[in-house]
Every structure is written in structure tokens, then in C-alpha cells.
Amino acid sequence: MNVEVTPLPGIGVRKDFPIKSGHRRIGVIDRKDGTIDLILSRADNPDVTDQLHLSANEAAALANLLGAPQLVARLRDEHRELEGVNTGQFPILRGSPYDARMLGETEMRTRTKASIVAVMRAGQVIASPGPDFTFAPGDQLVIVGTAEGLEAAAEILSHG
């Protein structure tokens, strides 16, 4: 995928790419003030865009929504030939039992035989987080284990 980067003097940088239809482009304007606009060119005039301003939290949430499923799909592909190995994606919601608590407190591996192999936070992948890693609302956990282990992991993350 070829991402076009266009400096916008006094504003920031536009980063976009053509979508499959070929008549439109999608991307972001990364502003100097730290804000981000999601942009989509109009079908009837590719030089004009519809813009949606995103707060930092909204941009991070969107990055997680887009990034975590791709990471999980890649891991599933890699584990496809390993019977009994499953990969799942689980959120840390505000107010959940592990909001602002450390990974080690879940005792996930001991209790389920499933492992938290990565955390998506604000569009960034944190691979192999250690037991002192502190969860935050919006984190997307990538967990690998048996089907039963993933079910148990979901229960632990929801109810403690």
C-alpha cells in the first residue's frame, strides 16, 4: 500500500491512500497542535475531503479498533496449522476488574493456561507485556490458548 504524505504548511501533514474503489482516498491530517482529522475524499471530486475531527482519545480508540483485529488475524494465520491453539482479542473496559491493575494480578497463565501475548494501546502494539504491565481502559489484549482457556480468560477479565 502506497501512502502519500503531503506537507500542509502551517497545519501539519496529510497522509492518505487510495481505497479499492479507486475513486476515493482515505487518511488523516496529523496537525501540528497534536489533533487528528480522519479524511475521506469525495467520490465526485477527489480533491475535496469530508473531515472528521478526532480527540486524542478517539484517535487512540480508532487505532485500537483497526490494529488489534489485524494483529489477531495475523496470529491466527500463523497458528492455523497448530491444532488446539486459538487467538482472541479482549478489551479492558472502564470499570472492569483489571482497569488500572497489573497483568500479574490476573494470574491469567496459571488460572487458564492462556497467555497474554500483546496489548494494543493507542494504536501501538506492546508485545510480551510483563507481569508489572498496568492495564488501562481501551486496551485490547491479544491472548493465545485453547478454546477453553480463552473462554476462561474472558470470564476473568469480565468478572475477576
N, C-alpha and C. Protein backbone atom coordinates (compact mmCIF):
# COMPACT_ATOMS: atom_id res chain seq x y z
N MET A 1 0.85 -1.17 0.00
CA MET A 1 0.00 0.00 0.00
C MET A 1 0.90 1.23 0.00
N ASN A 2 0.67 2.13 -0.93
CA ASN A 2 1.47 3.33 -1.04
C ASN A 2 0.72 4.49 -0.37
N VAL A 3 1.26 4.93 0.76
CA VAL A 3 0.68 6.05 1.50
C VAL A 3 1.35 7.33 1.02
N GLU A 4 0.54 8.27 0.58
CA GLU A 4 1.05 9.56 0.12
C GLU A 4 1.11 10.51 1.31
N VAL A 5 2.27 11.14 1.50
CA VAL A 5 2.47 12.09 2.59
C VAL A 5 2.63 13.47 1.97
N THR A 6 1.75 14.40 2.40
CA THR A 6 1.76 15.74 1.84
C THR A 6 1.89 16.77 2.96
N PRO A 7 3.01 17.52 2.99
CA PRO A 7 3.13 18.59 4.00
C PRO A 7 2.06 19.65 3.76
N LEU A 8 1.46 20.10 4.86
CA LEU A 8 0.48 21.18 4.82
C LEU A 8 1.05 22.34 5.63
N PRO A 9 1.75 23.28 4.99
CA PRO A 9 2.43 24.35 5.72
C PRO A 9 1.51 25.07 6.69
N GLY A 10 2.00 25.19 7.93
CA GLY A 10 1.25 25.86 8.98
C GLY A 10 0.18 24.99 9.62
N ILE A 11 -0.09 23.82 9.05
CA ILE A 11 -1.15 22.95 9.57
C ILE A 11 -0.60 21.65 10.12
N GLY A 12 0.17 20.94 9.29
CA GLY A 12 0.69 19.64 9.69
C GLY A 12 1.00 18.80 8.47
N VAL A 13 0.57 17.54 8.50
CA VAL A 13 0.86 16.61 7.42
C VAL A 13 -0.40 15.81 7.08
N ARG A 14 -0.66 15.69 5.79
CA ARG A 14 -1.75 14.83 5.30
C ARG A 14 -1.14 13.51 4.87
N LYS A 15 -1.74 12.39 5.33
CA LYS A 15 -1.29 11.06 4.95
C LYS A 15 -2.53 10.31 4.47
N ASP A 16 -2.52 9.87 3.21
CA ASP A 16 -3.68 9.17 2.70
C ASP A 16 -3.28 8.18 1.62
N PHE A 17 -4.24 7.34 1.23
CA PHE A 17 -4.01 6.34 0.20
C PHE A 17 -5.32 6.06 -0.51
N PRO A 18 -5.23 5.56 -1.76
CA PRO A 18 -6.47 5.24 -2.48
C PRO A 18 -7.12 3.97 -1.92
N ILE A 19 -8.44 3.98 -1.84
CA ILE A 19 -9.15 2.77 -1.42
C ILE A 19 -9.52 1.97 -2.67
N LYS A 20 -9.92 0.75 -2.46
CA LYS A 20 -10.10 -0.22 -3.54
C LYS A 20 -10.94 0.30 -4.70
N SER A 21 -11.96 1.10 -4.39
CA SER A 21 -12.83 1.60 -5.46
C SER A 21 -12.06 2.43 -6.48
N GLY A 22 -10.92 2.99 -6.05
CA GLY A 22 -10.08 3.75 -6.96
C GLY A 22 -10.46 5.20 -7.13
N HIS A 23 -11.68 5.57 -6.75
CA HIS A 23 -12.13 6.95 -6.95
C HIS A 23 -12.03 7.79 -5.69
N ARG A 24 -11.70 7.15 -4.57
CA ARG A 24 -11.65 7.88 -3.30
C ARG A 24 -10.35 7.57 -2.58
N ARG A 25 -10.01 8.45 -1.64
CA ARG A 25 -8.83 8.27 -0.81
C ARG A 25 -9.26 8.41 0.64
N ILE A 26 -8.55 7.71 1.53
CA ILE A 26 -8.83 7.80 2.96
C ILE A 26 -7.51 8.06 3.67
N GLY A 27 -7.57 8.79 4.77
CA GLY A 27 -6.35 9.07 5.50
C GLY A 27 -6.59 9.96 6.70
N VAL A 28 -5.52 10.62 7.11
CA VAL A 28 -5.58 11.51 8.26
C VAL A 28 -4.82 12.80 7.97
N ILE A 29 -5.22 13.83 8.68
CA ILE A 29 -4.42 15.04 8.76
C ILE A 29 -3.89 15.09 10.18
N ASP A 30 -2.58 14.97 10.29
CA ASP A 30 -1.89 14.99 11.58
C ASP A 30 -1.46 16.44 11.80
N ARG A 31 -2.19 17.14 12.66
CA ARG A 31 -1.98 18.58 12.84
C ARG A 31 -0.84 18.88 13.81
N LYS A 32 -0.22 20.01 13.61
CA LYS A 32 0.89 20.45 14.47
C LYS A 32 0.47 20.59 15.93
N ASP A 33 -0.81 20.87 16.16
CA ASP A 33 -1.28 21.04 17.55
C ASP A 33 -1.57 19.70 18.23
N GLY A 34 -1.29 18.59 17.52
CA GLY A 34 -1.48 17.26 18.11
C GLY A 34 -2.83 16.64 17.84
N THR A 35 -3.74 17.37 17.20
CA THR A 35 -5.04 16.81 16.89
C THR A 35 -4.98 16.06 15.55
N ILE A 36 -5.97 15.24 15.32
CA ILE A 36 -6.02 14.42 14.11
C ILE A 36 -7.40 14.54 13.49
N ASP A 37 -7.44 14.66 12.17
CA ASP A 37 -8.69 14.61 11.42
C ASP A 37 -8.67 13.35 10.57
N LEU A 38 -9.75 12.60 10.58
CA LEU A 38 -9.93 11.48 9.67
C LEU A 38 -10.51 12.09 8.40
N ILE A 39 -9.96 11.74 7.24
CA ILE A 39 -10.43 12.34 5.98
C ILE A 39 -10.82 11.26 4.98
N LEU A 40 -11.81 11.59 4.16
CA LEU A 40 -12.25 10.73 3.08
C LEU A 40 -12.58 11.64 1.91
N SER A 41 -11.91 11.40 0.77
CA SER A 41 -12.17 12.25 -0.39
C SER A 41 -13.56 11.94 -0.93
N ARG A 42 -14.13 12.92 -1.55
CA ARG A 42 -15.48 12.76 -2.11
C ARG A 42 -15.38 12.03 -3.46
N ALA A 43 -16.34 11.19 -3.71
CA ALA A 43 -16.32 10.40 -4.94
C ALA A 43 -16.40 11.28 -6.19
N ASP A 44 -17.17 12.38 -6.10
CA ASP A 44 -17.35 13.24 -7.26
C ASP A 44 -16.21 14.23 -7.46
N ASN A 45 -15.37 14.43 -6.41
CA ASN A 45 -14.24 15.35 -6.52
C ASN A 45 -13.16 14.92 -5.55
N PRO A 46 -12.17 14.13 -6.01
CA PRO A 46 -11.16 13.59 -5.12
C PRO A 46 -10.27 14.63 -4.44
N ASP A 47 -10.33 15.89 -4.91
CA ASP A 47 -9.54 16.94 -4.26
C ASP A 47 -10.23 17.52 -3.04
N VAL A 48 -11.50 17.20 -2.85
CA VAL A 48 -12.28 17.70 -1.71
C VAL A 48 -12.51 16.54 -0.75
N THR A 49 -12.32 16.81 0.55
CA THR A 49 -12.49 15.74 1.54
C THR A 49 -13.57 16.09 2.55
N ASP A 50 -14.18 15.03 3.06
CA ASP A 50 -15.01 15.16 4.25
C ASP A 50 -14.06 14.91 5.41
N GLN A 51 -14.12 15.76 6.43
CA GLN A 51 -13.21 15.64 7.56
C GLN A 51 -13.97 15.43 8.85
N LEU A 52 -13.41 14.57 9.68
CA LEU A 52 -14.00 14.30 10.99
C LEU A 52 -12.90 14.50 12.02
N HIS A 53 -13.05 15.52 12.85
CA HIS A 53 -12.06 15.81 13.88
C HIS A 53 -12.14 14.77 14.99
N LEU A 54 -11.00 14.22 15.39
CA LEU A 54 -10.95 13.23 16.45
C LEU A 54 -10.14 13.76 17.63
N SER A 55 -10.65 13.56 18.84
CA SER A 55 -9.86 13.88 20.02
C SER A 55 -8.74 12.86 20.12
N ALA A 56 -7.78 13.08 20.99
CA ALA A 56 -6.68 12.14 21.16
C ALA A 56 -7.21 10.78 21.60
N ASN A 57 -8.18 10.77 22.50
CA ASN A 57 -8.77 9.51 22.95
C ASN A 57 -9.52 8.80 21.83
N GLU A 58 -10.24 9.56 21.02
CA GLU A 58 -10.97 8.96 19.90
C GLU A 58 -10.01 8.38 18.86
N ALA A 59 -8.92 9.11 18.58
CA ALA A 59 -7.92 8.62 17.63
C ALA A 59 -7.28 7.34 18.14
N ALA A 60 -6.98 7.29 19.44
CA ALA A 60 -6.39 6.08 20.03
C ALA A 60 -7.36 4.91 19.97
N ALA A 61 -8.63 5.17 20.26
CA ALA A 61 -9.63 4.11 20.21
C ALA A 61 -9.78 3.58 18.78
N LEU A 62 -9.80 4.48 17.80
CA LEU A 62 -9.91 4.06 16.40
C LEU A 62 -8.68 3.24 15.99
N ALA A 63 -7.51 3.67 16.42
CA ALA A 63 -6.29 2.92 16.10
C ALA A 63 -6.36 1.52 16.69
N ASN A 64 -6.87 1.40 17.91
CA ASN A 64 -7.03 0.07 18.51
C ASN A 64 -8.03 -0.77 17.73
N LEU A 65 -9.14 -0.16 17.34
CA LEU A 65 -10.15 -0.90 16.59
C LEU A 65 -9.59 -1.42 15.27
N LEU A 66 -8.77 -0.64 14.63
CA LEU A 66 -8.20 -1.05 13.35
C LEU A 66 -7.00 -1.97 13.52
N GLY A 67 -6.19 -1.75 14.53
CA GLY A 67 -4.95 -2.51 14.68
C GLY A 67 -5.10 -3.87 15.32
N ALA A 68 -5.88 -3.98 16.37
CA ALA A 68 -5.99 -5.24 17.11
C ALA A 68 -6.55 -6.37 16.25
N PRO A 69 -7.62 -6.16 15.49
CA PRO A 69 -8.12 -7.27 14.68
C PRO A 69 -7.10 -7.77 13.65
N GLN A 70 -6.31 -6.85 13.10
CA GLN A 70 -5.28 -7.26 12.14
C GLN A 70 -4.21 -8.09 12.82
N LEU A 71 -3.82 -7.70 14.02
CA LEU A 71 -2.82 -8.47 14.77
C LEU A 71 -3.35 -9.86 15.10
N VAL A 72 -4.59 -9.93 15.56
CA VAL A 72 -5.20 -11.22 15.89
C VAL A 72 -5.29 -12.09 14.64
N ALA A 73 -5.69 -11.51 13.52
CA ALA A 73 -5.80 -12.28 12.27
C ALA A 73 -4.44 -12.83 11.85
N ARG A 74 -3.41 -12.02 12.00
CA ARG A 74 -2.06 -12.48 11.66
C ARG A 74 -1.63 -13.64 12.54
N LEU A 75 -1.89 -13.53 13.84
CA LEU A 75 -1.54 -14.61 14.76
C LEU A 75 -2.36 -15.87 14.46
N ARG A 76 -3.62 -15.70 14.15
CA ARG A 76 -4.45 -16.86 13.79
C ARG A 76 -3.88 -17.56 12.57
N ASP A 77 -3.47 -16.76 11.59
CA ASP A 77 -2.86 -17.33 10.39
C ASP A 77 -1.61 -18.14 10.73
N GLU A 78 -0.78 -17.58 11.60
CA GLU A 78 0.46 -18.25 11.99
C GLU A 78 0.19 -19.53 12.77
N HIS A 79 -0.91 -19.56 13.53
CA HIS A 79 -1.23 -20.73 14.36
C HIS A 79 -2.19 -21.69 13.67
N ARG A 80 -2.58 -21.37 12.44
CA ARG A 80 -3.58 -22.15 11.72
C ARG A 80 -3.26 -23.64 11.69
N GLU A 81 -2.01 -23.99 11.55
CA GLU A 81 -1.62 -25.39 11.44
C GLU A 81 -1.41 -26.06 12.79
N LEU A 82 -1.52 -25.31 13.86
CA LEU A 82 -1.33 -25.86 15.20
C LEU A 82 -2.69 -26.13 15.83
N GLU A 83 -3.12 -27.35 15.76
CA GLU A 83 -4.44 -27.71 16.27
C GLU A 83 -4.54 -27.41 17.76
N GLY A 84 -5.64 -26.79 18.16
CA GLY A 84 -5.88 -26.50 19.57
C GLY A 84 -5.33 -25.16 20.02
N VAL A 85 -4.59 -24.46 19.15
CA VAL A 85 -4.07 -23.14 19.51
C VAL A 85 -5.01 -22.09 18.91
N ASN A 86 -5.56 -21.26 19.78
CA ASN A 86 -6.52 -20.23 19.37
C ASN A 86 -6.01 -18.86 19.81
N THR A 87 -6.44 -17.84 19.08
CA THR A 87 -6.08 -16.47 19.42
C THR A 87 -7.36 -15.65 19.55
N GLY A 88 -7.42 -14.83 20.59
CA GLY A 88 -8.60 -13.99 20.79
C GLY A 88 -8.21 -12.59 21.19
N GLN A 89 -9.14 -11.68 21.03
CA GLN A 89 -8.95 -10.27 21.37
C GLN A 89 -9.97 -9.91 22.45
N PHE A 90 -9.48 -9.30 23.53
CA PHE A 90 -10.34 -8.98 24.66
C PHE A 90 -10.07 -7.56 25.14
N PRO A 91 -11.12 -6.76 25.36
CA PRO A 91 -10.92 -5.38 25.79
C PRO A 91 -10.83 -5.25 27.32
N ILE A 92 -10.14 -4.22 27.73
CA ILE A 92 -10.19 -3.78 29.13
C ILE A 92 -11.12 -2.56 29.12
N LEU A 93 -12.28 -2.72 29.71
CA LEU A 93 -13.26 -1.65 29.75
C LEU A 93 -13.12 -0.83 31.02
N ARG A 94 -13.51 0.43 30.94
CA ARG A 94 -13.51 1.28 32.13
C ARG A 94 -14.38 0.62 33.20
N GLY A 95 -13.83 0.48 34.38
CA GLY A 95 -14.56 -0.12 35.48
C GLY A 95 -14.45 -1.64 35.54
N SER A 96 -13.75 -2.24 34.60
CA SER A 96 -13.59 -3.70 34.65
C SER A 96 -12.70 -4.06 35.84
N PRO A 97 -12.72 -5.31 36.29
CA PRO A 97 -11.92 -5.69 37.47
C PRO A 97 -10.42 -5.43 37.31
N TYR A 98 -9.94 -5.33 36.07
CA TYR A 98 -8.50 -5.14 35.86
C TYR A 98 -8.14 -3.76 35.32
N ASP A 99 -9.09 -2.85 35.28
CA ASP A 99 -8.82 -1.46 34.93
C ASP A 99 -7.84 -0.91 35.96
N ALA A 100 -6.68 -0.42 35.49
CA ALA A 100 -5.63 0.16 36.34
C ALA A 100 -4.93 -0.87 37.24
N ARG A 101 -5.03 -2.14 36.90
CA ARG A 101 -4.32 -3.17 37.67
C ARG A 101 -3.26 -3.82 36.79
N MET A 102 -2.36 -4.54 37.42
CA MET A 102 -1.25 -5.13 36.69
C MET A 102 -1.61 -6.51 36.11
N LEU A 103 -0.97 -6.82 35.00
CA LEU A 103 -1.18 -8.10 34.33
C LEU A 103 -0.97 -9.26 35.28
N GLY A 104 0.07 -9.21 36.10
CA GLY A 104 0.36 -10.30 37.03
C GLY A 104 -0.78 -10.58 38.00
N GLU A 105 -1.58 -9.57 38.29
CA GLU A 105 -2.71 -9.76 39.20
C GLU A 105 -3.81 -10.63 38.60
N THR A 106 -3.84 -10.77 37.29
CA THR A 106 -4.85 -11.63 36.67
C THR A 106 -4.55 -13.10 36.90
N GLU A 107 -3.27 -13.42 37.11
CA GLU A 107 -2.82 -14.82 37.19
C GLU A 107 -3.35 -15.61 36.00
N MET A 108 -3.39 -14.94 34.84
CA MET A 108 -4.00 -15.50 33.63
C MET A 108 -3.41 -16.85 33.24
N ARG A 109 -2.10 -16.93 33.14
CA ARG A 109 -1.46 -18.17 32.69
C ARG A 109 -1.72 -19.31 33.68
N THR A 110 -1.63 -19.02 34.97
CA THR A 110 -1.85 -20.05 36.00
C THR A 110 -3.30 -20.51 36.01
N ARG A 111 -4.24 -19.57 35.88
CA ARG A 111 -5.66 -19.89 36.01
C ARG A 111 -6.28 -20.48 34.74
N THR A 112 -5.69 -20.16 33.55
CA THR A 112 -6.35 -20.56 32.30
C THR A 112 -5.45 -21.34 31.34
N LYS A 113 -4.16 -21.32 31.57
CA LYS A 113 -3.17 -21.87 30.62
C LYS A 113 -3.15 -21.07 29.32
N ALA A 114 -3.74 -19.88 29.32
CA ALA A 114 -3.71 -18.97 28.17
C ALA A 114 -2.74 -17.83 28.49
N SER A 115 -2.12 -17.27 27.45
CA SER A 115 -1.12 -16.22 27.65
C SER A 115 -1.51 -14.93 26.96
N ILE A 116 -1.30 -13.83 27.66
CA ILE A 116 -1.48 -12.50 27.07
C ILE A 116 -0.19 -12.21 26.32
N VAL A 117 -0.25 -12.24 24.98
CA VAL A 117 0.97 -12.11 24.18
C VAL A 117 1.21 -10.69 23.68
N ALA A 118 0.18 -9.86 23.71
CA ALA A 118 0.34 -8.47 23.27
C ALA A 118 -0.82 -7.64 23.80
N VAL A 119 -0.59 -6.34 23.86
CA VAL A 119 -1.63 -5.38 24.20
C VAL A 119 -1.58 -4.28 23.15
N MET A 120 -2.74 -3.94 22.60
CA MET A 120 -2.86 -2.79 21.70
C MET A 120 -3.31 -1.62 22.55
N ARG A 121 -2.51 -0.55 22.52
CA ARG A 121 -2.87 0.66 23.28
C ARG A 121 -2.56 1.86 22.40
N ALA A 122 -3.58 2.65 22.16
CA ALA A 122 -3.43 3.88 21.38
C ALA A 122 -2.75 3.60 20.04
N GLY A 123 -3.11 2.46 19.42
CA GLY A 123 -2.58 2.14 18.11
C GLY A 123 -1.20 1.53 18.12
N GLN A 124 -0.63 1.35 19.29
CA GLN A 124 0.71 0.77 19.41
C GLN A 124 0.60 -0.65 19.94
N VAL A 125 1.44 -1.54 19.43
CA VAL A 125 1.49 -2.91 19.92
C VAL A 125 2.54 -2.99 21.02
N ILE A 126 2.14 -3.49 22.16
CA ILE A 126 3.06 -3.76 23.25
C ILE A 126 3.17 -5.28 23.30
N ALA A 127 4.28 -5.79 22.76
CA ALA A 127 4.46 -7.24 22.66
C ALA A 127 4.99 -7.79 23.97
N SER A 128 4.53 -8.97 24.32
CA SER A 128 5.01 -9.70 25.50
C SER A 128 5.07 -8.84 26.75
N PRO A 129 3.93 -8.23 27.15
CA PRO A 129 3.96 -7.40 28.36
C PRO A 129 4.28 -8.26 29.58
N GLY A 130 5.04 -7.69 30.50
CA GLY A 130 5.43 -8.40 31.71
C GLY A 130 4.38 -8.31 32.80
N PRO A 131 4.59 -9.01 33.91
CA PRO A 131 3.61 -9.05 35.00
C PRO A 131 3.36 -7.69 35.64
N ASP A 132 4.30 -6.74 35.48
CA ASP A 132 4.12 -5.41 36.07
C ASP A 132 3.44 -4.43 35.12
N PHE A 133 3.04 -4.89 33.94
CA PHE A 133 2.34 -4.05 32.99
C PHE A 133 0.97 -3.68 33.56
N THR A 134 0.64 -2.38 33.56
CA THR A 134 -0.63 -1.92 34.11
C THR A 134 -1.63 -1.67 32.99
N PHE A 135 -2.79 -2.29 33.10
CA PHE A 135 -3.84 -2.14 32.11
C PHE A 135 -4.52 -0.78 32.23
N ALA A 136 -5.07 -0.32 31.10
CA ALA A 136 -5.83 0.93 31.07
C ALA A 136 -7.09 0.71 30.24
N PRO A 137 -8.14 1.46 30.53
CA PRO A 137 -9.36 1.33 29.72
C PRO A 137 -9.04 1.55 28.24
N GLY A 138 -9.62 0.74 27.39
CA GLY A 138 -9.36 0.84 25.95
C GLY A 138 -8.30 -0.11 25.46
N ASP A 139 -7.49 -0.67 26.37
CA ASP A 139 -6.50 -1.66 25.96
C ASP A 139 -7.22 -2.84 25.31
N GLN A 140 -6.63 -3.38 24.27
CA GLN A 140 -7.12 -4.60 23.64
C GLN A 140 -6.07 -5.67 23.87
N LEU A 141 -6.43 -6.72 24.60
CA LEU A 141 -5.48 -7.77 24.92
C LEU A 141 -5.55 -8.85 23.84
N VAL A 142 -4.40 -9.32 23.41
CA VAL A 142 -4.33 -10.43 22.47
C VAL A 142 -3.87 -11.63 23.28
N ILE A 143 -4.73 -12.66 23.33
CA ILE A 143 -4.49 -13.82 24.18
C ILE A 143 -4.46 -15.07 23.31
N VAL A 144 -3.48 -15.95 23.60
CA VAL A 144 -3.33 -17.21 22.88
C VAL A 144 -3.52 -18.35 23.86
N GLY A 145 -4.31 -19.35 23.46
CA GLY A 145 -4.53 -20.52 24.31
C GLY A 145 -5.53 -21.46 23.67
N THR A 146 -5.99 -22.41 24.43
CA THR A 146 -7.04 -23.32 23.95
C THR A 146 -8.36 -22.57 23.93
N ALA A 147 -9.37 -23.15 23.28
CA ALA A 147 -10.70 -22.54 23.27
C ALA A 147 -11.22 -22.37 24.69
N GLU A 148 -11.00 -23.39 25.52
CA GLU A 148 -11.45 -23.32 26.91
C GLU A 148 -10.68 -22.24 27.67
N GLY A 149 -9.39 -22.13 27.38
CA GLY A 149 -8.57 -21.11 28.03
C GLY A 149 -9.02 -19.71 27.68
N LEU A 150 -9.39 -19.50 26.42
CA LEU A 150 -9.88 -18.18 26.01
C LEU A 150 -11.22 -17.85 26.66
N GLU A 151 -12.07 -18.86 26.79
CA GLU A 151 -13.36 -18.63 27.48
C GLU A 151 -13.11 -18.25 28.93
N ALA A 152 -12.19 -18.96 29.58
CA ALA A 152 -11.86 -18.65 30.98
C ALA A 152 -11.23 -17.27 31.10
N ALA A 153 -10.41 -16.90 30.13
CA ALA A 153 -9.78 -15.57 30.14
C ALA A 153 -10.85 -14.47 30.05
N ALA A 154 -11.83 -14.67 29.18
CA ALA A 154 -12.91 -13.69 29.05
C ALA A 154 -13.66 -13.54 30.36
N GLU A 155 -13.90 -14.65 31.02
CA GLU A 155 -14.60 -14.63 32.31
C GLU A 155 -13.78 -13.87 33.36
N ILE A 156 -12.50 -14.14 33.41
CA ILE A 156 -11.61 -13.47 34.39
C ILE A 156 -11.59 -11.97 34.13
N LEU A 157 -11.45 -11.57 32.87
CA LEU A 157 -11.36 -10.15 32.55
C LEU A 157 -12.68 -9.43 32.79
N SER A 158 -13.78 -10.15 32.68
CA SER A 158 -15.09 -9.54 32.93
C SER A 158 -15.49 -9.50 34.40
N HIS A 159 -15.15 -10.57 35.12
CA HIS A 159 -15.65 -10.71 36.48
C HIS A 159 -14.59 -10.87 37.56
N GLY A 160 -13.34 -10.95 37.16
CA GLY A 160 -12.26 -11.07 38.15
C GLY A 160 -11.92 -12.48 38.53
